[in-house]
Amino acid sequence: MKSFTITMSEGKDGTSKAVKLIAAITALLVAIGTLVGAITVTLGKGDDGSKYSYTTIVLDSPEKYEQFINSHPG
């Protein structure tokens, strides 16, 4: 029978401890970054009324539509 030994740096599935450590650290950094981003978005909410301005234009007739298109800069 052949025998083989598993080195101390590899697990039963052959994945090294270094790879597992790097994966764990990466996952931790992603989780922390997501948490910081969520907190920043939540705390960063202020008076959005000054940031956004919406205009509703009612074009209820073909004449108003034509007037809007002819006077629109875009």
PDB file of N, CA and C in Angstrom:
ATOM      1  N   MET A   1       0.826  -1.173   0.000  1.00  0.00           N
ATOM      2  CA  MET A   1       0.000   0.000   0.000  1.00  0.00           C
ATOM      3  C   MET A   1       0.873   1.239   0.000  1.00  0.00           C
ATOM      4  N   LYS A   2       0.362   2.226  -0.725  1.00  0.00           N
ATOM      5  CA  LYS A   2       1.067   3.498  -0.736  1.00  0.00           C
ATOM      6  C   LYS A   2       0.622   4.327   0.457  1.00  0.00           C
ATOM      7  N   SER A   3       1.521   5.082   0.963  1.00  0.00           N
ATOM      8  CA  SER A   3       1.164   5.968   2.071  1.00  0.00           C
ATOM      9  C   SER A   3       1.560   7.395   1.701  1.00  0.00           C
ATOM     10  N   PHE A   4       0.783   8.316   2.176  1.00  0.00           N
ATOM     11  CA  PHE A   4       1.135   9.716   1.972  1.00  0.00           C
ATOM     12  C   PHE A   4       0.790  10.465   3.243  1.00  0.00           C
ATOM     13  N   THR A   5       1.451  11.558   3.408  1.00  0.00           N
ATOM     14  CA  THR A   5       1.203  12.368   4.599  1.00  0.00           C
ATOM     15  C   THR A   5       0.727  13.747   4.175  1.00  0.00           C
ATOM     16  N   ILE A   6      -0.098  14.295   4.981  1.00  0.00           N
ATOM     17  CA  ILE A   6      -0.572  15.658   4.748  1.00  0.00           C
ATOM     18  C   ILE A   6       0.352  16.582   5.515  1.00  0.00           C
ATOM     19  N   THR A   7       0.904  17.540   4.801  1.00  0.00           N
ATOM     20  CA  THR A   7       1.805  18.467   5.473  1.00  0.00           C
ATOM     21  C   THR A   7       1.005  19.353   6.418  1.00  0.00           C
ATOM     22  N   MET A   8       1.677  19.972   7.340  1.00  0.00           N
ATOM     23  CA  MET A   8       0.997  20.776   8.343  1.00  0.00           C
ATOM     24  C   MET A   8       0.379  22.042   7.749  1.00  0.00           C
ATOM     25  N   SER A   9       0.834  22.459   6.582  1.00  0.00           N
ATOM     26  CA  SER A   9       0.302  23.690   6.005  1.00  0.00           C
ATOM     27  C   SER A   9      -0.942  23.444   5.159  1.00  0.00           C
ATOM     28  N   GLU A  10      -1.321  22.211   4.973  1.00  0.00           N
ATOM     29  CA  GLU A  10      -2.495  21.898   4.167  1.00  0.00           C
ATOM     30  C   GLU A  10      -3.555  21.222   5.016  1.00  0.00           C
ATOM     31  N   GLY A  11      -4.805  21.531   4.677  1.00  0.00           N
ATOM     32  CA  GLY A  11      -5.904  20.871   5.355  1.00  0.00           C
ATOM     33  C   GLY A  11      -6.224  19.558   4.678  1.00  0.00           C
ATOM     34  N   LYS A  12      -7.308  18.957   5.087  1.00  0.00           N
ATOM     35  CA  LYS A  12      -7.698  17.673   4.512  1.00  0.00           C
ATOM     36  C   LYS A  12      -8.034  17.801   3.036  1.00  0.00           C
ATOM     37  N   ASP A  13      -8.551  18.974   2.635  1.00  0.00           N
ATOM     38  CA  ASP A  13      -8.920  19.155   1.236  1.00  0.00           C
ATOM     39  C   ASP A  13      -7.783  19.740   0.395  1.00  0.00           C
ATOM     40  N   GLY A  14      -6.647  19.928   0.973  1.00  0.00           N
ATOM     41  CA  GLY A  14      -5.495  20.396   0.221  1.00  0.00           C
ATOM     42  C   GLY A  14      -5.350  21.907   0.189  1.00  0.00           C
ATOM     43  N   THR A  15      -6.276  22.644   0.776  1.00  0.00           N
ATOM     44  CA  THR A  15      -6.191  24.097   0.787  1.00  0.00           C
ATOM     45  C   THR A  15      -5.237  24.521   1.896  1.00  0.00           C
ATOM     46  N   SER A  16      -4.311  25.350   1.530  1.00  0.00           N
ATOM     47  CA  SER A  16      -3.312  25.739   2.515  1.00  0.00           C
ATOM     48  C   SER A  16      -3.898  26.713   3.527  1.00  0.00           C
ATOM     49  N   LYS A  17      -3.287  26.771   4.677  1.00  0.00           N
ATOM     50  CA  LYS A  17      -3.739  27.681   5.721  1.00  0.00           C
ATOM     51  C   LYS A  17      -3.561  29.130   5.302  1.00  0.00           C
ATOM     52  N   ALA A  18      -2.538  29.396   4.509  1.00  0.00           N
ATOM     53  CA  ALA A  18      -2.297  30.768   4.058  1.00  0.00           C
ATOM     54  C   ALA A  18      -3.439  31.253   3.172  1.00  0.00           C
ATOM     55  N   VAL A  19      -3.931  30.398   2.277  1.00  0.00           N
ATOM     56  CA  VAL A  19      -5.037  30.767   1.405  1.00  0.00           C
ATOM     57  C   VAL A  19      -6.294  31.012   2.226  1.00  0.00           C
ATOM     58  N   LYS A  20      -6.540  30.162   3.213  1.00  0.00           N
ATOM     59  CA  LYS A  20      -7.701  30.334   4.079  1.00  0.00           C
ATOM     60  C   LYS A  20      -7.600  31.640   4.872  1.00  0.00           C
ATOM     61  N   LEU A  21      -6.408  31.951   5.337  1.00  0.00           N
ATOM     62  CA  LEU A  21      -6.202  33.187   6.088  1.00  0.00           C
ATOM     63  C   LEU A  21      -6.435  34.407   5.206  1.00  0.00           C
ATOM     64  N   ILE A  22      -5.919  34.376   3.997  1.00  0.00           N
ATOM     65  CA  ILE A  22      -6.111  35.495   3.060  1.00  0.00           C
ATOM     66  C   ILE A  22      -7.598  35.652   2.731  1.00  0.00           C
ATOM     67  N   ALA A  23      -8.287  34.560   2.524  1.00  0.00           N
ATOM     68  CA  ALA A  23      -9.726  34.619   2.231  1.00  0.00           C
ATOM     69  C   ALA A  23     -10.503  35.181   3.418  1.00  0.00           C
ATOM     70  N   ALA A  24     -10.142  34.782   4.612  1.00  0.00           N
ATOM     71  CA  ALA A  24     -10.827  35.274   5.812  1.00  0.00           C
ATOM     72  C   ALA A  24     -10.588  36.771   6.008  1.00  0.00           C
ATOM     73  N   ILE A  25      -9.364  37.214   5.796  1.00  0.00           N
ATOM     74  CA  ILE A  25      -9.047  38.640   5.939  1.00  0.00           C
ATOM     75  C   ILE A  25      -9.784  39.452   4.874  1.00  0.00           C
ATOM     76  N   THR A  26      -9.830  38.949   3.659  1.00  0.00           N
ATOM     77  CA  THR A  26     -10.547  39.641   2.587  1.00  0.00           C
ATOM     78  C   THR A  26     -12.030  39.749   2.909  1.00  0.00           C
ATOM     79  N   ALA A  27     -12.624  38.684   3.383  1.00  0.00           N
ATOM     80  CA  ALA A  27     -14.039  38.705   3.744  1.00  0.00           C
ATOM     81  C   ALA A  27     -14.302  39.692   4.876  1.00  0.00           C
ATOM     82  N   LEU A  28     -13.401  39.748   5.825  1.00  0.00           N
ATOM     83  CA  LEU A  28     -13.540  40.691   6.934  1.00  0.00           C
ATOM     84  C   LEU A  28     -13.448  42.128   6.446  1.00  0.00           C
ATOM     85  N   LEU A  29     -12.518  42.401   5.550  1.00  0.00           N
ATOM     86  CA  LEU A  29     -12.384  43.761   5.012  1.00  0.00           C
ATOM     87  C   LEU A  29     -13.610  44.167   4.203  1.00  0.00           C
ATOM     88  N   VAL A  30     -14.160  43.243   3.437  1.00  0.00           N
ATOM     89  CA  VAL A  30     -15.374  43.533   2.670  1.00  0.00           C
ATOM     90  C   VAL A  30     -16.534  43.833   3.612  1.00  0.00           C
ATOM     91  N   ALA A  31     -16.665  43.042   4.670  1.00  0.00           N
ATOM     92  CA  ALA A  31     -17.745  43.255   5.636  1.00  0.00           C
ATOM     93  C   ALA A  31     -17.602  44.606   6.326  1.00  0.00           C
ATOM     94  N   ILE A  32     -16.393  44.952   6.716  1.00  0.00           N
ATOM     95  CA  ILE A  32     -16.158  46.245   7.373  1.00  0.00           C
ATOM     96  C   ILE A  32     -16.432  47.389   6.403  1.00  0.00           C
ATOM     97  N   GLY A  33     -15.991  47.255   5.165  1.00  0.00           N
ATOM     98  CA  GLY A  33     -16.246  48.296   4.166  1.00  0.00           C
ATOM     99  C   GLY A  33     -17.721  48.492   3.903  1.00  0.00           C
ATOM    100  N   THR A  34     -18.474  47.400   3.850  1.00  0.00           N
ATOM    101  CA  THR A  34     -19.916  47.489   3.653  1.00  0.00           C
ATOM    102  C   THR A  34     -20.585  48.180   4.829  1.00  0.00           C
ATOM    103  N   LEU A  35     -20.148  47.838   6.023  1.00  0.00           N
ATOM    104  CA  LEU A  35     -20.709  48.460   7.225  1.00  0.00           C
ATOM    105  C   LEU A  35     -20.411  49.950   7.260  1.00  0.00           C
ATOM    106  N   VAL A  36     -19.181  50.329   6.964  1.00  0.00           N
ATOM    107  CA  VAL A  36     -18.809  51.746   6.949  1.00  0.00           C
ATOM    108  C   VAL A  36     -19.606  52.485   5.876  1.00  0.00           C
ATOM    109  N   GLY A  37     -19.765  51.878   4.709  1.00  0.00           N
ATOM    110  CA  GLY A  37     -20.538  52.511   3.648  1.00  0.00           C
ATOM    111  C   GLY A  37     -21.990  52.706   4.034  1.00  0.00           C
ATOM    112  N   ALA A  38     -22.581  51.712   4.679  1.00  0.00           N
ATOM    113  CA  ALA A  38     -23.972  51.823   5.104  1.00  0.00           C
ATOM    114  C   ALA A  38     -24.147  52.902   6.159  1.00  0.00           C
ATOM    115  N   ILE A  39     -23.212  52.975   7.090  1.00  0.00           N
ATOM    116  CA  ILE A  39     -23.283  54.009   8.125  1.00  0.00           C
ATOM    117  C   ILE A  39     -23.096  55.391   7.506  1.00  0.00           C
ATOM    118  N   THR A  40     -22.183  55.524   6.567  1.00  0.00           N
ATOM    119  CA  THR A  40     -21.939  56.807   5.924  1.00  0.00           C
ATOM    120  C   THR A  40     -23.163  57.288   5.172  1.00  0.00           C
ATOM    121  N   VAL A  41     -23.810  56.394   4.454  1.00  0.00           N
ATOM    122  CA  VAL A  41     -25.018  56.769   3.710  1.00  0.00           C
ATOM    123  C   VAL A  41     -26.122  57.156   4.677  1.00  0.00           C
ATOM    124  N   THR A  42     -26.261  56.409   5.762  1.00  0.00           N
ATOM    125  CA  THR A  42     -27.318  56.692   6.727  1.00  0.00           C
ATOM    126  C   THR A  42     -27.079  58.014   7.444  1.00  0.00           C
ATOM    127  N   LEU A  43     -25.861  58.235   7.895  1.00  0.00           N
ATOM    128  CA  LEU A  43     -25.564  59.473   8.624  1.00  0.00           C
ATOM    129  C   LEU A  43     -25.412  60.664   7.695  1.00  0.00           C
ATOM    130  N   GLY A  44     -25.124  60.410   6.445  1.00  0.00           N
ATOM    131  CA  GLY A  44     -24.920  61.497   5.497  1.00  0.00           C
ATOM    132  C   GLY A  44     -26.203  62.120   4.990  1.00  0.00           C
ATOM    133  N   LYS A  45     -27.342  61.548   5.392  1.00  0.00           N
ATOM    134  CA  LYS A  45     -28.611  62.103   4.948  1.00  0.00           C
ATOM    135  C   LYS A  45     -28.839  63.433   5.648  1.00  0.00           C
ATOM    136  N   GLY A  46     -29.154  64.412   4.853  1.00  0.00           N
ATOM    137  CA  GLY A  46     -29.452  65.720   5.407  1.00  0.00           C
ATOM    138  C   GLY A  46     -30.669  66.272   4.721  1.00  0.00           C
ATOM    139  N   ASP A  47     -30.669  67.564   4.541  1.00  0.00           N
ATOM    140  CA  ASP A  47     -31.762  68.222   3.849  1.00  0.00           C
ATOM    141  C   ASP A  47     -31.544  68.049   2.358  1.00  0.00           C
ATOM    142  N   ASP A  48     -32.181  67.032   1.783  1.00  0.00           N
ATOM    143  CA  ASP A  48     -32.020  66.751   0.362  1.00  0.00           C
ATOM    144  C   ASP A  48     -32.811  67.717  -0.507  1.00  0.00           C
ATOM    145  N   GLY A  49     -33.632  68.537   0.121  1.00  0.00           N
ATOM    146  CA  GLY A  49     -34.431  69.479  -0.643  1.00  0.00           C
ATOM    147  C   GLY A  49     -33.580  70.486  -1.401  1.00  0.00           C
ATOM    148  N   SER A  50     -32.425  70.811  -0.858  1.00  0.00           N
ATOM    149  CA  SER A  50     -31.557  71.777  -1.523  1.00  0.00           C
ATOM    150  C   SER A  50     -30.715  71.134  -2.625  1.00  0.00           C
ATOM    151  N   LYS A  51     -30.597  69.825  -2.619  1.00  0.00           N
ATOM    152  CA  LYS A  51     -29.761  69.134  -3.595  1.00  0.00           C
ATOM    153  C   LYS A  51     -30.512  68.823  -4.880  1.00  0.00           C
ATOM    154  N   TYR A  52     -31.815  68.572  -4.767  1.00  0.00           N
ATOM    155  CA  TYR A  52     -32.581  68.125  -5.920  1.00  0.00           C
ATOM    156  C   TYR A  52     -33.726  69.091  -6.188  1.00  0.00           C
ATOM    157  N   SER A  53     -33.987  69.284  -7.448  1.00  0.00           N
ATOM    158  CA  SER A  53     -35.102  70.123  -7.842  1.00  0.00           C
ATOM    159  C   SER A  53     -35.834  69.436  -8.983  1.00  0.00           C
ATOM    160  N   TYR A  54     -37.119  69.258  -8.830  1.00  0.00           N
ATOM    161  CA  TYR A  54     -37.915  68.586  -9.837  1.00  0.00           C
ATOM    162  C   TYR A  54     -38.963  69.543 -10.373  1.00  0.00           C
ATOM    163  N   THR A  55     -39.191  69.475 -11.665  1.00  0.00           N
ATOM    164  CA  THR A  55     -40.210  70.290 -12.306  1.00  0.00           C
ATOM    165  C   THR A  55     -41.137  69.369 -13.080  1.00  0.00           C
ATOM    166  N   THR A  56     -42.421  69.546 -12.857  1.00  0.00           N
ATOM    167  CA  THR A  56     -43.415  68.769 -13.588  1.00  0.00           C
ATOM    168  C   THR A  56     -44.051  69.674 -14.625  1.00  0.00           C
ATOM    169  N   ILE A  57     -43.995  69.250 -15.860  1.00  0.00           N
ATOM    170  CA  ILE A  57     -44.577  70.025 -16.942  1.00  0.00           C
ATOM    171  C   ILE A  57     -45.767  69.246 -17.487  1.00  0.00           C
ATOM    172  N   VAL A  58     -46.918  69.890 -17.483  1.00  0.00           N
ATOM    173  CA  VAL A  58     -48.136  69.256 -17.967  1.00  0.00           C
ATOM    174  C   VAL A  58     -48.355  69.696 -19.404  1.00  0.00           C
ATOM    175  N   LEU A  59     -48.309  68.743 -20.302  1.00  0.00           N
ATOM    176  CA  LEU A  59     -48.519  69.011 -21.726  1.00  0.00           C
ATOM    177  C   LEU A  59     -49.846  68.377 -22.115  1.00  0.00           C
ATOM    178  N   ASP A  60     -50.919  69.107 -21.855  1.00  0.00           N
ATOM    179  CA  ASP A  60     -52.241  68.528 -22.021  1.00  0.00           C
ATOM    180  C   ASP A  60     -52.897  68.830 -23.369  1.00  0.00           C
ATOM    181  N   SER A  61     -52.133  69.399 -24.269  1.00  0.00           N
ATOM    182  CA  SER A  61     -52.684  69.631 -25.606  1.00  0.00           C
ATOM    183  C   SER A  61     -51.540  69.609 -26.615  1.00  0.00           C
ATOM    184  N   PRO A  62     -51.834  69.337 -27.869  1.00  0.00           N
ATOM    185  CA  PRO A  62     -50.779  69.333 -28.889  1.00  0.00           C
ATOM    186  C   PRO A  62     -50.103  70.705 -29.038  1.00  0.00           C
ATOM    187  N   GLU A  63     -50.852  71.761 -28.800  1.00  0.00           N
ATOM    188  CA  GLU A  63     -50.261  73.098 -28.912  1.00  0.00           C
ATOM    189  C   GLU A  63     -49.233  73.346 -27.802  1.00  0.00           C
ATOM    190  N   LYS A  64     -49.552  72.928 -26.588  1.00  0.00           N
ATOM    191  CA  LYS A  64     -48.599  73.092 -25.480  1.00  0.00           C
ATOM    192  C   LYS A  64     -47.363  72.215 -25.695  1.00  0.00           C
ATOM    193  N   TYR A  65     -47.565  71.025 -26.230  1.00  0.00           N
ATOM    194  CA  TYR A  65     -46.426  70.150 -26.517  1.00  0.00           C
ATOM    195  C   TYR A  65     -45.518  70.794 -27.559  1.00  0.00           C
ATOM    196  N   GLU A  66     -46.105  71.322 -28.616  1.00  0.00           N
ATOM    197  CA  GLU A  66     -45.317  71.967 -29.669  1.00  0.00           C
ATOM    198  C   GLU A  66     -44.597  73.200 -29.128  1.00  0.00           C
ATOM    199  N   GLN A  67     -45.267  73.971 -28.293  1.00  0.00           N
ATOM    200  CA  GLN A  67     -44.659  75.166 -27.700  1.00  0.00           C
ATOM    201  C   GLN A  67     -43.464  74.742 -26.813  1.00  0.00           C
ATOM    202  N   PHE A  68     -43.642  73.679 -26.030  1.00  0.00           N
ATOM    203  CA  PHE A  68     -42.561  73.201 -25.176  1.00  0.00           C
ATOM    204  C   PHE A  68     -41.368  72.735 -26.000  1.00  0.00           C
ATOM    205  N   ILE A  69     -41.612  71.948 -27.038  1.00  0.00           N
ATOM    206  CA  ILE A  69     -40.529  71.444 -27.870  1.00  0.00           C
ATOM    207  C   ILE A  69     -39.790  72.578 -28.569  1.00  0.00           C
ATOM    208  N   ASN A  70     -40.510  73.563 -29.059  1.00  0.00           N
ATOM    209  CA  ASN A  70     -39.875  74.677 -29.783  1.00  0.00           C
ATOM    210  C   ASN A  70     -39.068  75.569 -28.860  1.00  0.00           C
ATOM    211  N   SER A  71     -39.463  75.690 -27.588  1.00  0.00           N
ATOM    212  CA  SER A  71     -38.754  76.586 -26.673  1.00  0.00           C
ATOM    213  C   SER A  71     -37.752  75.863 -25.799  1.00  0.00           C
ATOM    214  N   HIS A  72     -37.689  74.545 -25.875  1.00  0.00           N
ATOM    215  CA  HIS A  72     -36.780  73.767 -25.022  1.00  0.00           C
ATOM    216  C   HIS A  72     -35.350  73.849 -25.560  1.00  0.00           C
ATOM    217  N   PRO A  73     -34.375  74.117 -24.691  1.00  0.00           N
ATOM    218  CA  PRO A  73     -32.991  74.270 -25.167  1.00  0.00           C
ATOM    219  C   PRO A  73     -32.348  72.959 -25.626  1.00  0.00           C
ATOM    220  N   GLY A  74     -32.833  71.825 -25.128  1.00  0.00           N
ATOM    221  CA  GLY A  74     -32.222  70.528 -25.458  1.00  0.00           C
ATOM    222  C   GLY A  74     -32.718  70.051 -26.774  1.00  0.00           C
TER     223      GLY A  74
END
